[in-house]
N, C-alpha and C. Protein backbone atom coordinates (compact mmCIF):
# COMPACT_ATOMS: atom_id res chain seq x y z
N MET A 1 30.98 -15.97 22.93
CA MET A 1 30.11 -14.67 23.05
C MET A 1 28.80 -15.14 22.99
N THR A 2 28.03 -14.73 23.91
CA THR A 2 26.67 -15.09 24.06
C THR A 2 25.78 -13.69 23.69
N GLU A 3 24.54 -14.00 23.14
CA GLU A 3 23.65 -12.82 22.89
C GLU A 3 23.26 -12.27 24.25
N PRO A 4 22.88 -10.99 24.40
CA PRO A 4 22.33 -10.39 25.51
C PRO A 4 20.85 -10.91 25.65
N THR A 5 20.30 -11.00 26.86
CA THR A 5 18.77 -11.36 26.90
C THR A 5 18.35 -10.41 27.48
N LEU A 6 17.02 -10.12 27.21
CA LEU A 6 16.10 -9.29 27.95
C LEU A 6 15.59 -9.97 29.34
N ASP A 7 15.58 -9.21 30.36
CA ASP A 7 14.90 -9.59 31.55
C ASP A 7 13.68 -9.18 31.56
N ALA A 8 12.81 -10.21 31.46
CA ALA A 8 11.38 -10.01 31.49
C ALA A 8 10.78 -9.12 32.69
N HIS A 9 11.65 -9.04 33.89
CA HIS A 9 11.20 -8.48 34.96
C HIS A 9 11.72 -6.96 35.10
N LEU A 10 12.47 -6.53 34.24
CA LEU A 10 12.88 -5.11 34.10
C LEU A 10 11.61 -4.38 33.65
N PRO A 11 11.52 -3.14 34.36
CA PRO A 11 10.35 -2.15 34.24
C PRO A 11 10.46 -1.77 32.73
N LEU A 12 9.46 -1.44 32.14
CA LEU A 12 9.42 -0.86 30.72
C LEU A 12 9.76 0.70 30.77
N THR A 13 10.65 1.09 29.87
CA THR A 13 10.74 2.55 30.01
C THR A 13 9.84 3.25 28.83
N PRO A 14 8.98 4.13 29.20
CA PRO A 14 8.19 4.64 28.32
C PRO A 14 8.91 5.57 27.24
N THR A 15 8.20 5.77 26.06
CA THR A 15 8.85 6.74 25.21
C THR A 15 8.47 8.09 25.74
N ARG A 16 9.07 9.13 24.91
CA ARG A 16 8.72 10.43 25.27
C ARG A 16 7.22 10.49 24.97
N TYR A 17 6.75 10.12 23.91
CA TYR A 17 5.37 10.28 23.71
C TYR A 17 4.48 9.55 24.63
N ALA A 18 4.71 8.38 25.14
CA ALA A 18 4.08 7.70 26.02
C ALA A 18 4.11 8.63 27.57
N THR A 19 5.27 9.04 27.75
CA THR A 19 5.38 9.86 28.95
C THR A 19 4.42 11.27 28.82
N ASP A 20 4.56 11.86 27.74
CA ASP A 20 3.71 12.96 27.65
C ASP A 20 2.17 12.54 27.94
N VAL A 21 1.86 11.43 27.21
CA VAL A 21 0.39 11.09 27.22
C VAL A 21 0.02 10.74 28.56
N LEU A 22 0.81 10.10 29.30
CA LEU A 22 0.54 9.57 30.74
C LEU A 22 0.47 10.95 31.68
N ASP A 23 1.19 11.96 31.35
CA ASP A 23 1.27 13.16 32.14
C ASP A 23 -0.17 13.78 31.76
N PHE A 24 -0.52 14.03 30.51
CA PHE A 24 -1.53 14.81 30.03
C PHE A 24 -2.92 14.21 30.67
N LEU A 25 -2.97 12.88 30.53
CA LEU A 25 -4.18 12.10 30.98
C LEU A 25 -4.24 12.27 32.61
N ALA A 26 -3.13 12.17 33.29
CA ALA A 26 -3.20 12.21 34.62
C ALA A 26 -3.81 13.71 35.10
N GLU A 27 -3.19 14.76 34.44
CA GLU A 27 -3.84 16.05 34.59
C GLU A 27 -5.14 16.33 34.26
N GLU A 28 -5.73 15.55 33.42
CA GLU A 28 -7.08 15.56 33.02
C GLU A 28 -8.12 14.78 33.84
N GLY A 29 -7.44 14.00 35.05
CA GLY A 29 -8.23 13.35 35.99
C GLY A 29 -8.30 11.92 35.72
N PHE A 30 -7.69 11.33 34.74
CA PHE A 30 -7.70 10.02 34.32
C PHE A 30 -6.48 9.34 35.19
N ARG A 31 -6.40 7.98 35.24
CA ARG A 31 -5.44 7.18 35.88
C ARG A 31 -4.81 6.16 34.92
N PRO A 32 -4.01 6.88 33.86
CA PRO A 32 -3.38 6.08 32.99
C PRO A 32 -2.32 5.19 33.38
N GLN A 33 -1.95 4.04 32.56
CA GLN A 33 -0.80 3.14 32.96
C GLN A 33 -0.31 2.74 31.51
N LEU A 34 0.88 2.11 31.67
CA LEU A 34 1.59 1.81 30.45
C LEU A 34 1.45 0.30 30.54
N ASP A 35 1.06 -0.38 29.38
CA ASP A 35 0.98 -1.67 29.14
C ASP A 35 2.19 -2.39 28.82
N ASP A 36 2.26 -3.65 28.68
CA ASP A 36 3.50 -4.32 28.48
C ASP A 36 4.24 -3.99 27.16
N GLU A 37 3.43 -3.51 26.29
CA GLU A 37 4.14 -3.05 24.89
C GLU A 37 4.49 -1.69 25.03
N GLY A 38 4.33 -0.76 26.11
CA GLY A 38 4.50 0.62 26.07
C GLY A 38 3.51 1.52 25.65
N ASP A 39 2.31 1.00 25.54
CA ASP A 39 1.32 1.98 24.99
C ASP A 39 0.46 2.21 26.30
N VAL A 40 -0.21 3.35 26.08
CA VAL A 40 -1.01 3.92 27.31
C VAL A 40 -2.43 3.38 27.26
N LEU A 41 -2.79 2.89 28.41
CA LEU A 41 -4.20 2.41 28.51
C LEU A 41 -4.77 3.33 29.67
N PHE A 42 -6.10 3.43 29.64
CA PHE A 42 -6.76 4.22 30.46
C PHE A 42 -8.33 3.94 30.60
N LYS A 43 -8.89 3.94 31.61
CA LYS A 43 -10.38 3.56 31.68
C LYS A 43 -11.12 5.05 31.82
N PHE A 44 -12.36 4.84 31.05
CA PHE A 44 -13.30 5.97 30.99
C PHE A 44 -14.70 5.32 30.74
N GLU A 45 -15.52 5.89 31.58
CA GLU A 45 -16.90 5.54 31.53
C GLU A 45 -17.13 4.01 31.32
N GLY A 46 -16.47 3.16 32.14
CA GLY A 46 -16.54 1.71 32.01
C GLY A 46 -15.82 1.06 31.03
N GLY A 47 -15.08 1.72 30.06
CA GLY A 47 -14.29 1.14 28.96
C GLY A 47 -12.84 1.45 29.15
N THR A 48 -12.02 0.47 28.80
CA THR A 48 -10.68 0.60 28.71
C THR A 48 -10.18 1.06 27.36
N TYR A 49 -9.44 2.01 27.12
CA TYR A 49 -8.97 2.67 25.91
C TYR A 49 -7.48 2.42 25.96
N TYR A 50 -6.92 2.28 24.77
CA TYR A 50 -5.61 2.17 24.34
C TYR A 50 -5.06 3.38 23.31
N LEU A 51 -4.10 4.07 23.68
CA LEU A 51 -3.28 4.92 22.83
C LEU A 51 -2.06 4.33 22.57
N MET A 52 -1.85 4.07 21.11
CA MET A 52 -0.59 3.59 20.74
C MET A 52 0.30 4.69 20.78
N THR A 53 1.57 4.45 21.45
CA THR A 53 2.65 5.42 21.46
C THR A 53 4.06 5.20 20.93
N SER A 54 4.12 4.65 19.91
CA SER A 54 5.30 4.23 19.47
C SER A 54 6.24 5.45 18.93
N ASP A 55 7.45 5.66 19.11
CA ASP A 55 8.43 6.47 18.79
C ASP A 55 8.75 6.56 17.38
N ALA A 56 8.50 5.32 16.68
CA ALA A 56 8.84 5.12 15.07
C ALA A 56 8.17 6.33 14.41
N ASP A 57 6.96 6.64 14.62
CA ASP A 57 6.12 7.74 14.09
C ASP A 57 5.43 8.47 15.08
N PRO A 58 6.04 9.72 15.90
CA PRO A 58 5.02 10.18 16.79
C PRO A 58 3.88 11.03 16.22
N THR A 59 3.82 11.08 14.92
CA THR A 59 2.69 11.84 14.21
C THR A 59 1.57 10.86 13.92
N TYR A 60 1.75 9.58 14.24
CA TYR A 60 0.71 8.66 14.14
C TYR A 60 -0.18 8.65 15.39
N PHE A 61 -1.46 8.86 15.28
CA PHE A 61 -2.48 8.84 16.33
C PHE A 61 -3.30 7.69 16.17
N ALA A 62 -3.34 6.76 17.13
CA ALA A 62 -4.19 5.52 17.23
C ALA A 62 -4.78 5.29 18.55
N LEU A 63 -6.09 5.41 18.63
CA LEU A 63 -6.87 5.43 19.78
C LEU A 63 -7.73 4.15 19.69
N TYR A 64 -7.72 3.05 20.51
CA TYR A 64 -8.48 1.76 20.41
C TYR A 64 -9.52 1.85 21.58
N TYR A 65 -10.44 0.95 21.42
CA TYR A 65 -11.44 0.45 22.22
C TYR A 65 -11.77 -1.05 21.93
N PHE A 66 -10.82 -1.78 22.58
CA PHE A 66 -10.86 -3.09 22.15
C PHE A 66 -12.12 -4.06 22.79
N ARG A 67 -12.59 -5.10 22.19
CA ARG A 67 -13.51 -5.98 22.61
C ARG A 67 -14.73 -5.58 23.40
N PHE A 68 -15.35 -4.42 22.86
CA PHE A 68 -16.54 -3.67 23.66
C PHE A 68 -17.66 -4.44 23.52
N TRP A 69 -17.94 -5.39 22.47
CA TRP A 69 -19.20 -6.21 22.22
C TRP A 69 -18.73 -7.67 21.95
N PRO A 70 -19.01 -8.60 22.73
CA PRO A 70 -18.79 -9.79 22.64
C PRO A 70 -19.64 -10.40 21.51
N LEU A 71 -19.19 -11.50 20.65
CA LEU A 71 -20.16 -11.73 19.70
C LEU A 71 -20.42 -13.36 19.93
N GLU A 72 -21.54 -13.80 20.13
CA GLU A 72 -22.00 -15.27 20.63
C GLU A 72 -22.07 -16.24 19.47
N ASP A 73 -22.53 -15.75 18.29
CA ASP A 73 -22.70 -16.71 17.17
C ASP A 73 -22.58 -16.15 15.91
N PRO A 74 -22.74 -16.71 14.72
CA PRO A 74 -22.58 -16.26 13.57
C PRO A 74 -23.67 -15.31 13.01
N ALA A 75 -24.89 -15.49 13.53
CA ALA A 75 -26.07 -14.43 13.40
C ALA A 75 -25.58 -13.30 13.90
N GLU A 76 -25.24 -13.26 15.16
CA GLU A 76 -24.76 -12.05 15.77
C GLU A 76 -23.74 -11.21 14.96
N CYS A 77 -22.92 -12.06 14.61
CA CYS A 77 -21.71 -11.48 13.80
C CYS A 77 -22.40 -10.71 12.68
N ILE A 78 -23.47 -11.36 12.00
CA ILE A 78 -23.88 -10.63 10.60
C ILE A 78 -24.68 -9.36 11.26
N ARG A 79 -25.32 -9.43 12.28
CA ARG A 79 -26.14 -8.16 12.75
C ARG A 79 -25.02 -7.11 13.05
N ALA A 80 -23.81 -7.56 13.66
CA ALA A 80 -22.80 -6.75 14.28
C ALA A 80 -22.25 -5.90 12.92
N HIS A 81 -22.16 -6.58 11.70
CA HIS A 81 -21.54 -5.93 10.32
C HIS A 81 -22.71 -4.90 10.03
N GLU A 82 -23.87 -5.24 10.18
CA GLU A 82 -24.98 -4.13 9.89
C GLU A 82 -25.05 -3.15 10.75
N ALA A 83 -24.88 -3.24 12.02
CA ALA A 83 -25.01 -2.29 12.83
C ALA A 83 -23.49 -1.40 12.55
N ALA A 84 -22.38 -2.01 12.55
CA ALA A 84 -21.28 -1.19 12.22
C ALA A 84 -21.38 -0.17 11.02
N ALA A 85 -22.02 -0.75 9.91
CA ALA A 85 -22.28 0.15 8.81
C ALA A 85 -23.10 1.09 9.14
N GLN A 86 -24.26 0.92 9.75
CA GLN A 86 -25.23 2.12 10.15
C GLN A 86 -24.54 2.96 11.13
N ALA A 87 -23.80 2.51 12.13
CA ALA A 87 -23.18 3.36 13.12
C ALA A 87 -22.00 4.37 12.36
N GLN A 88 -21.35 3.81 11.42
CA GLN A 88 -20.38 4.56 10.81
C GLN A 88 -21.01 5.46 9.83
N GLN A 89 -22.08 5.15 9.18
CA GLN A 89 -22.94 6.21 8.42
C GLN A 89 -23.14 7.38 9.27
N ARG A 90 -23.72 7.18 10.49
CA ARG A 90 -24.24 8.20 11.43
C ARG A 90 -23.01 8.88 11.88
N ILE A 91 -22.02 8.33 12.34
CA ILE A 91 -20.98 9.03 13.02
C ILE A 91 -19.75 8.97 12.20
N ARG A 92 -19.05 10.01 11.69
CA ARG A 92 -18.25 10.12 10.70
C ARG A 92 -16.86 10.15 11.31
N ILE A 93 -16.62 9.47 12.16
CA ILE A 93 -15.24 9.33 12.96
C ILE A 93 -15.03 8.08 13.25
N GLY A 94 -13.91 7.31 12.87
CA GLY A 94 -13.44 6.08 13.53
C GLY A 94 -14.04 4.91 12.68
N GLN A 95 -13.64 3.91 13.26
CA GLN A 95 -13.80 2.52 12.36
C GLN A 95 -14.32 1.59 13.45
N ILE A 96 -15.39 0.81 13.05
CA ILE A 96 -15.56 -0.30 13.81
C ILE A 96 -15.17 -1.65 13.17
N THR A 97 -14.49 -2.65 13.94
CA THR A 97 -14.10 -3.79 13.27
C THR A 97 -14.74 -4.86 13.89
N VAL A 98 -15.51 -5.63 13.23
CA VAL A 98 -16.19 -6.88 13.56
C VAL A 98 -15.14 -8.19 13.28
N LEU A 99 -14.85 -8.71 14.51
CA LEU A 99 -13.96 -10.08 14.43
C LEU A 99 -14.82 -11.20 14.67
N ASP A 100 -14.11 -12.16 14.72
CA ASP A 100 -15.10 -13.54 14.87
C ASP A 100 -15.72 -13.70 16.29
N ASN A 101 -15.06 -13.12 17.29
CA ASN A 101 -15.72 -13.35 18.65
C ASN A 101 -16.01 -11.90 19.40
N ASP A 102 -15.54 -11.00 18.73
CA ASP A 102 -15.68 -9.61 19.45
C ASP A 102 -15.73 -8.33 18.31
N VAL A 103 -16.04 -7.29 19.00
CA VAL A 103 -15.95 -6.04 18.01
C VAL A 103 -15.17 -4.88 18.71
N ASN A 104 -14.39 -4.34 17.88
CA ASN A 104 -13.48 -3.20 18.52
C ASN A 104 -13.76 -1.83 17.62
N ALA A 105 -13.26 -0.71 18.28
CA ALA A 105 -13.41 0.52 17.60
C ALA A 105 -12.14 1.31 17.82
N SER A 106 -11.94 1.98 16.69
CA SER A 106 -10.64 2.82 16.68
C SER A 106 -10.65 4.16 15.94
N VAL A 107 -9.94 4.99 16.18
CA VAL A 107 -9.68 6.31 15.54
C VAL A 107 -8.27 6.30 15.34
N GLN A 108 -7.90 6.48 13.99
CA GLN A 108 -6.48 6.52 13.55
C GLN A 108 -6.18 7.62 12.61
N ALA A 109 -5.09 8.40 12.62
CA ALA A 109 -4.87 9.35 11.86
C ALA A 109 -3.29 9.85 11.94
N TYR A 110 -2.86 10.46 10.92
CA TYR A 110 -1.58 11.06 10.86
C TYR A 110 -1.80 12.60 11.18
N LEU A 111 -1.11 13.04 12.13
CA LEU A 111 -1.21 14.36 12.66
C LEU A 111 -0.15 15.23 12.12
N PRO A 112 -0.41 16.60 12.07
CA PRO A 112 0.69 17.41 11.49
C PRO A 112 1.92 17.62 12.24
N GLY A 113 2.04 17.26 13.46
CA GLY A 113 3.09 17.26 14.32
C GLY A 113 3.16 16.30 15.27
N ALA A 114 4.44 16.06 16.17
CA ALA A 114 4.46 15.25 17.21
C ALA A 114 3.68 15.57 18.41
N ASP A 115 3.33 16.63 18.53
CA ASP A 115 2.58 17.18 19.76
C ASP A 115 1.11 17.45 19.51
N ALA A 116 0.79 17.35 18.28
CA ALA A 116 -0.63 17.53 17.82
C ALA A 116 -1.75 16.79 18.51
N TRP A 117 -1.14 15.55 18.97
CA TRP A 117 -2.16 14.62 19.63
C TRP A 117 -2.78 15.37 20.86
N ARG A 118 -2.31 16.25 21.47
CA ARG A 118 -2.91 17.00 22.62
C ARG A 118 -4.23 17.70 22.36
N GLY A 119 -4.05 18.25 21.01
CA GLY A 119 -5.37 19.03 20.58
C GLY A 119 -6.61 18.12 20.10
N VAL A 120 -6.27 16.69 19.96
CA VAL A 120 -7.38 15.86 19.41
C VAL A 120 -7.74 14.73 20.18
N LEU A 121 -6.95 14.31 21.30
CA LEU A 121 -7.10 13.12 22.08
C LEU A 121 -8.49 13.20 22.70
N LEU A 122 -8.90 14.14 23.41
CA LEU A 122 -10.21 14.26 23.99
C LEU A 122 -11.37 14.18 23.01
N ARG A 123 -11.25 15.14 21.99
CA ARG A 123 -11.97 14.99 20.93
C ARG A 123 -12.48 13.63 20.48
N ASN A 124 -11.21 13.07 19.93
CA ASN A 124 -11.47 11.73 19.48
C ASN A 124 -11.85 10.79 20.32
N LEU A 125 -11.56 10.85 21.85
CA LEU A 125 -12.37 10.03 22.55
C LEU A 125 -13.81 10.12 22.75
N SER A 126 -14.36 11.47 22.60
CA SER A 126 -15.59 11.53 22.59
C SER A 126 -16.19 11.03 21.32
N GLY A 127 -15.61 11.23 20.22
CA GLY A 127 -16.08 10.53 18.87
C GLY A 127 -16.14 9.21 18.85
N LEU A 128 -15.11 8.49 19.44
CA LEU A 128 -15.08 7.11 19.55
C LEU A 128 -16.24 6.71 20.45
N GLN A 129 -16.60 7.37 21.46
CA GLN A 129 -17.69 6.85 22.38
C GLN A 129 -19.06 6.98 21.70
N ALA A 130 -19.02 8.16 20.94
CA ALA A 130 -20.34 8.35 20.20
C ALA A 130 -20.54 7.13 19.34
N LEU A 131 -19.53 6.87 18.29
CA LEU A 131 -19.48 5.53 17.41
C LEU A 131 -19.82 4.42 18.15
N VAL A 132 -19.23 4.02 19.15
CA VAL A 132 -19.65 2.85 20.06
C VAL A 132 -21.04 3.02 20.59
N ARG A 133 -21.52 3.86 21.06
CA ARG A 133 -22.90 4.17 21.49
C ARG A 133 -23.91 3.96 20.31
N SER A 134 -23.67 4.46 19.22
CA SER A 134 -24.55 4.26 17.91
C SER A 134 -24.41 2.79 17.56
N PHE A 135 -23.47 2.14 17.76
CA PHE A 135 -23.39 0.80 17.32
C PHE A 135 -24.24 0.00 18.28
N ARG A 136 -23.94 0.30 19.51
CA ARG A 136 -24.72 -0.51 20.60
C ARG A 136 -26.34 -0.44 20.35
N GLU A 137 -26.79 1.01 20.08
CA GLU A 137 -28.12 1.15 19.82
C GLU A 137 -28.69 0.61 18.59
N GLN A 138 -27.85 0.56 17.53
CA GLN A 138 -28.19 -0.23 16.49
C GLN A 138 -28.34 -1.77 16.81
N MET A 139 -27.44 -2.39 17.41
CA MET A 139 -27.54 -3.86 17.86
C MET A 139 -28.71 -4.01 18.79
N HIS A 140 -28.96 -3.31 19.70
CA HIS A 140 -30.15 -3.42 20.68
C HIS A 140 -31.49 -3.17 19.66
N ALA A 141 -31.54 -2.17 18.74
CA ALA A 141 -32.74 -2.01 17.78
C ALA A 141 -32.95 -3.40 17.10
N GLN A 142 -31.92 -3.90 16.49
CA GLN A 142 -32.31 -5.21 15.87
C GLN A 142 -32.77 -6.25 16.64
N LEU A 143 -32.35 -6.23 17.87
CA LEU A 143 -32.96 -7.47 18.71
C LEU A 143 -34.34 -7.02 19.12
N GLU A 144 -34.85 -5.97 19.09
CA GLU A 144 -36.10 -5.48 19.44
C GLU A 144 -37.11 -5.73 18.17
N ASN A 145 -36.60 -5.96 16.78
CA ASN A 145 -37.26 -6.12 15.77
C ASN A 145 -37.56 -7.49 15.42
């Protein structure tokens, strides 16, 4: 008896959460897609955002903006840590993560119910944009000084 294998060419079946998010974003005028892991990605104002949509815990809300600022060298990485701290002090939502080669931003929370994401998605998207904008302003201000 052999183990069943997954065919990589089969289309991914979205979770209920992902299907609901895809429909909601399409109604709001976005063109969302499902990525290879079953999460929803969509473009907004020049950036690509990801909403994790696992059925394991549909009350977990996780919105990400990956690799929005590339880091060229260790000195820029130090400036990015400073800019992240300043941005997060000014904008009290989300988190900026400085990695070796780039910077990510995210908003994560546990919500009171499986459908509560509908009431917070667009507001958290705006908050995440404000956080990233503040980070970028801080980075540019450091370069001017």
